[in-house]
N, C-alpha and C. Protein backbone atom coordinates (compact mmCIF):
# COMPACT_ATOMS: atom_id res chain seq x y z
N UNK A 1 67.03 8.57 31.03
CA UNK A 1 67.13 8.58 32.52
C UNK A 1 66.59 7.66 32.82
N UNK A 2 67.43 6.83 33.49
CA UNK A 2 67.00 5.13 33.74
C UNK A 2 66.41 5.85 35.73
N UNK A 3 65.30 4.72 35.89
CA UNK A 3 65.67 5.02 37.49
C UNK A 3 64.38 4.45 38.07
N UNK A 4 63.99 4.58 39.51
CA UNK A 4 63.43 3.82 40.39
C UNK A 4 62.10 4.69 40.72
N UNK A 5 60.81 4.04 40.75
CA UNK A 5 60.29 4.38 41.66
C UNK A 5 59.65 4.70 43.01
N UNK A 6 59.81 6.11 43.71
CA UNK A 6 59.51 5.78 45.28
C UNK A 6 58.41 6.17 46.19
N UNK A 7 57.97 6.68 45.01
CA UNK A 7 56.19 7.50 45.31
C UNK A 7 55.41 7.47 44.10
N UNK A 8 54.53 6.82 44.14
CA UNK A 8 53.07 7.53 43.45
C UNK A 8 51.85 7.17 43.99
N UNK A 9 51.79 8.13 44.89
CA UNK A 9 51.07 8.76 45.97
C UNK A 9 49.74 9.80 45.20
N UNK A 10 50.39 10.82 44.29
CA UNK A 10 50.10 11.94 43.59
C UNK A 10 49.33 11.07 42.38
N UNK A 11 48.17 11.87 42.37
CA UNK A 11 47.35 11.47 41.01
C UNK A 11 48.03 12.16 39.37
N UNK A 12 48.53 11.01 38.91
CA UNK A 12 49.19 10.96 37.68
C UNK A 12 50.21 11.44 37.72
N UNK A 13 51.02 11.01 38.77
CA UNK A 13 52.45 11.74 39.01
C UNK A 13 52.80 10.69 39.98
N UNK A 14 54.79 10.42 39.52
CA UNK A 14 55.46 8.96 40.11
C UNK A 14 56.45 10.46 40.50
N UNK A 15 57.59 10.12 41.91
CA UNK A 15 58.37 10.50 41.40
C UNK A 15 59.62 9.59 41.53
N UNK A 16 60.32 9.52 40.80
CA UNK A 16 61.68 8.52 40.54
C UNK A 16 62.79 9.29 40.56
N UNK A 17 63.59 8.35 41.52
CA UNK A 17 64.89 8.37 42.11
C UNK A 17 65.93 8.06 40.94
N UNK A 18 66.79 9.10 40.27
CA UNK A 18 68.08 8.41 39.48
C UNK A 18 69.14 8.40 40.52
N UNK A 19 69.88 7.37 40.40
CA UNK A 19 71.45 7.05 40.79
C UNK A 19 72.10 7.49 39.65
N UNK A 20 73.54 7.80 40.44
CA UNK A 20 74.39 7.80 39.00
C UNK A 20 75.38 8.09 39.47
N UNK A 21 76.87 8.07 38.99
CA UNK A 21 78.61 7.66 39.54
C UNK A 21 79.23 9.09 39.00
N UNK A 22 79.70 10.33 40.05
CA UNK A 22 80.34 11.07 39.12
C UNK A 22 81.69 10.94 39.99
N UNK A 23 83.18 11.41 39.21
CA UNK A 23 84.23 11.57 39.43
C UNK A 23 83.85 12.73 40.16
N UNK A 24 84.89 12.68 41.46
CA UNK A 24 85.00 13.86 42.28
C UNK A 24 86.81 14.53 41.14
N UNK A 25 86.29 15.84 41.62
CA UNK A 25 87.51 16.83 40.22
C UNK A 25 88.83 16.82 40.93
N UNK A 26 89.37 16.21 41.79
CA UNK A 26 90.02 16.99 42.53
C UNK A 26 91.24 15.36 43.15
N UNK A 27 89.96 14.42 43.78
CA UNK A 27 90.54 13.42 43.75
C UNK A 27 90.02 11.77 42.80
N UNK A 28 89.64 12.14 42.63
CA UNK A 28 89.27 11.26 41.07
C UNK A 28 88.57 9.91 41.62
N UNK A 29 88.34 10.05 42.66
CA UNK A 29 87.47 9.02 43.47
C UNK A 29 85.46 9.07 43.08
N UNK A 30 84.74 8.09 42.59
CA UNK A 30 83.56 7.70 42.11
C UNK A 30 82.99 8.21 43.48
N UNK A 31 82.12 8.75 43.12
CA UNK A 31 80.27 9.05 44.29
C UNK A 31 79.32 9.04 43.61
N UNK A 32 78.46 8.13 44.53
CA UNK A 32 77.47 7.33 44.29
C UNK A 32 76.37 9.21 44.23
N UNK A 33 75.84 10.12 43.43
CA UNK A 33 74.80 10.99 43.57
C UNK A 33 73.19 10.59 42.97
N UNK A 34 72.26 11.30 43.61
CA UNK A 34 70.86 10.88 43.15
C UNK A 34 69.99 12.16 43.58
N UNK A 35 69.36 12.08 41.94
CA UNK A 35 68.21 12.87 42.08
C UNK A 35 66.62 12.89 41.93
N UNK A 36 65.97 12.85 42.63
CA UNK A 36 64.61 12.60 42.15
C UNK A 36 63.34 13.70 41.73
N UNK A 37 63.04 13.35 40.52
CA UNK A 37 62.11 14.04 39.85
C UNK A 37 61.21 13.69 39.81
N UNK A 38 60.07 14.36 39.66
CA UNK A 38 58.81 14.33 39.03
C UNK A 38 58.13 13.88 37.69
N UNK A 39 57.65 12.77 37.71
CA UNK A 39 57.41 12.42 36.24
C UNK A 39 56.00 12.50 36.28
N UNK A 40 55.44 12.64 34.57
CA UNK A 40 54.42 12.51 35.14
C UNK A 40 53.49 10.94 34.01
N UNK A 41 52.58 10.47 34.67
CA UNK A 41 52.33 9.20 34.66
C UNK A 41 50.76 8.90 33.88
N UNK A 42 50.58 9.46 33.11
CA UNK A 42 49.16 9.55 32.24
C UNK A 42 48.33 8.96 33.40
N UNK A 43 48.43 7.50 33.25
CA UNK A 43 46.93 5.65 33.60
C UNK A 43 47.24 5.50 34.94
N UNK A 44 48.38 6.25 34.95
CA UNK A 44 48.49 5.77 36.85
C UNK A 44 49.05 3.91 36.85
N UNK A 45 50.05 4.01 35.98
CA UNK A 45 50.28 2.71 35.65
C UNK A 45 51.30 1.64 36.85
N UNK A 46 52.23 2.87 37.35
CA UNK A 46 53.48 3.05 37.79
C UNK A 46 53.27 2.29 39.15
N UNK A 47 53.98 1.54 39.82
CA UNK A 47 53.64 1.46 40.68
C UNK A 47 55.58 1.89 41.77
N UNK A 48 55.39 1.60 43.09
CA UNK A 48 56.61 1.78 43.89
C UNK A 48 57.55 0.59 43.90
N UNK A 49 59.19 0.60 43.47
CA UNK A 49 59.90 0.14 42.98
C UNK A 49 59.67 -0.56 41.86
N UNK A 50 59.06 0.24 40.58
CA UNK A 50 59.18 0.07 39.55
C UNK A 50 60.36 0.39 38.84
N UNK A 51 60.78 -0.35 37.73
CA UNK A 51 62.15 1.15 36.90
C UNK A 51 61.43 1.25 35.87
N UNK A 52 61.70 2.40 35.27
CA UNK A 52 61.37 3.51 35.01
C UNK A 52 62.20 4.04 33.60
N UNK A 53 61.66 4.06 32.31
CA UNK A 53 62.74 5.12 32.04
C UNK A 53 61.53 6.51 31.34
N UNK A 54 62.74 7.41 31.96
CA UNK A 54 61.89 8.77 31.90
C UNK A 54 62.51 10.17 30.63
N UNK A 55 61.88 11.11 30.10
CA UNK A 55 62.23 11.90 28.55
C UNK A 55 61.76 12.84 29.75
N UNK A 56 62.51 14.16 29.43
CA UNK A 56 61.97 15.32 29.80
C UNK A 56 61.61 16.03 28.48
N UNK A 57 59.95 16.64 29.18
CA UNK A 57 59.16 17.09 28.36
C UNK A 57 58.72 18.80 28.52
N UNK A 58 57.90 19.03 27.94
CA UNK A 58 57.69 20.85 28.42
C UNK A 58 57.67 20.73 29.74
N UNK A 59 57.03 22.08 30.22
CA UNK A 59 56.37 21.96 32.27
C UNK A 59 55.65 21.42 32.17
N UNK A 60 54.67 21.09 32.39
CA UNK A 60 53.42 20.40 33.61
C UNK A 60 52.54 21.01 34.54
N UNK A 61 53.38 21.06 35.05
CA UNK A 61 53.28 21.87 36.31
C UNK A 61 54.64 22.72 37.30
N UNK A 62 54.26 22.95 38.12
CA UNK A 62 55.80 24.19 39.01
C UNK A 62 57.02 23.12 38.69
N UNK A 63 56.76 21.86 39.19
CA UNK A 63 58.06 20.74 39.75
C UNK A 63 58.21 19.96 38.65
N UNK A 64 56.77 19.58 37.64
CA UNK A 64 57.07 18.81 37.01
C UNK A 64 57.22 18.88 35.08
N UNK A 65 58.33 18.58 34.47
CA UNK A 65 58.51 18.47 33.31
C UNK A 65 59.59 17.42 33.30
N UNK A 66 58.55 16.21 33.32
CA UNK A 66 60.03 14.68 33.27
C UNK A 66 58.14 13.51 32.21
N UNK A 67 58.52 13.10 32.15
CA UNK A 67 57.18 12.30 31.42
C UNK A 67 58.17 10.47 31.43
N UNK A 68 57.28 9.89 32.18
CA UNK A 68 57.66 8.16 31.89
C UNK A 68 57.32 7.67 30.76
N UNK A 69 58.31 7.28 29.52
CA UNK A 69 58.14 6.61 28.55
C UNK A 69 57.98 5.34 28.63
N UNK A 70 58.17 4.49 29.38
CA UNK A 70 58.23 3.31 29.01
C UNK A 70 58.82 2.75 30.80
N UNK A 71 57.81 1.20 31.07
CA UNK A 71 57.91 0.86 31.84
C UNK A 71 58.96 -0.83 31.76
N UNK A 72 60.42 -0.42 32.13
CA UNK A 72 61.52 -1.53 31.90
C UNK A 72 61.06 -3.12 32.74
N UNK A 73 60.63 -2.86 34.05
CA UNK A 73 60.18 -3.77 34.87
C UNK A 73 59.65 -3.42 36.34
N UNK A 74 58.42 -4.34 36.11
CA UNK A 74 57.69 -4.58 37.32
C UNK A 74 58.23 -4.62 38.46
N UNK A 75 57.69 -3.89 39.76
CA UNK A 75 58.29 -4.71 41.66
C UNK A 75 57.32 -6.00 41.35
N UNK A 76 57.61 -7.62 41.75
CA UNK A 76 56.96 -8.14 42.16
C UNK A 76 56.26 -8.36 43.12
């Protein structure tokens, strides 16, 4: 999944927001939904505003089960 980093205050962890479009089952209109994931960032490379790709992994803590696989773009 691809998302944007919204927080990097934790050590080796970044909060990534993933936006997606979902079709309403009755009205067939598209709705924007977002999910926040805590992702593991071993070297503390990512910063707020960076676009990253995350992949699911084994549970690393109580709430963290995603890893940052690559940084797509850095915030200028």
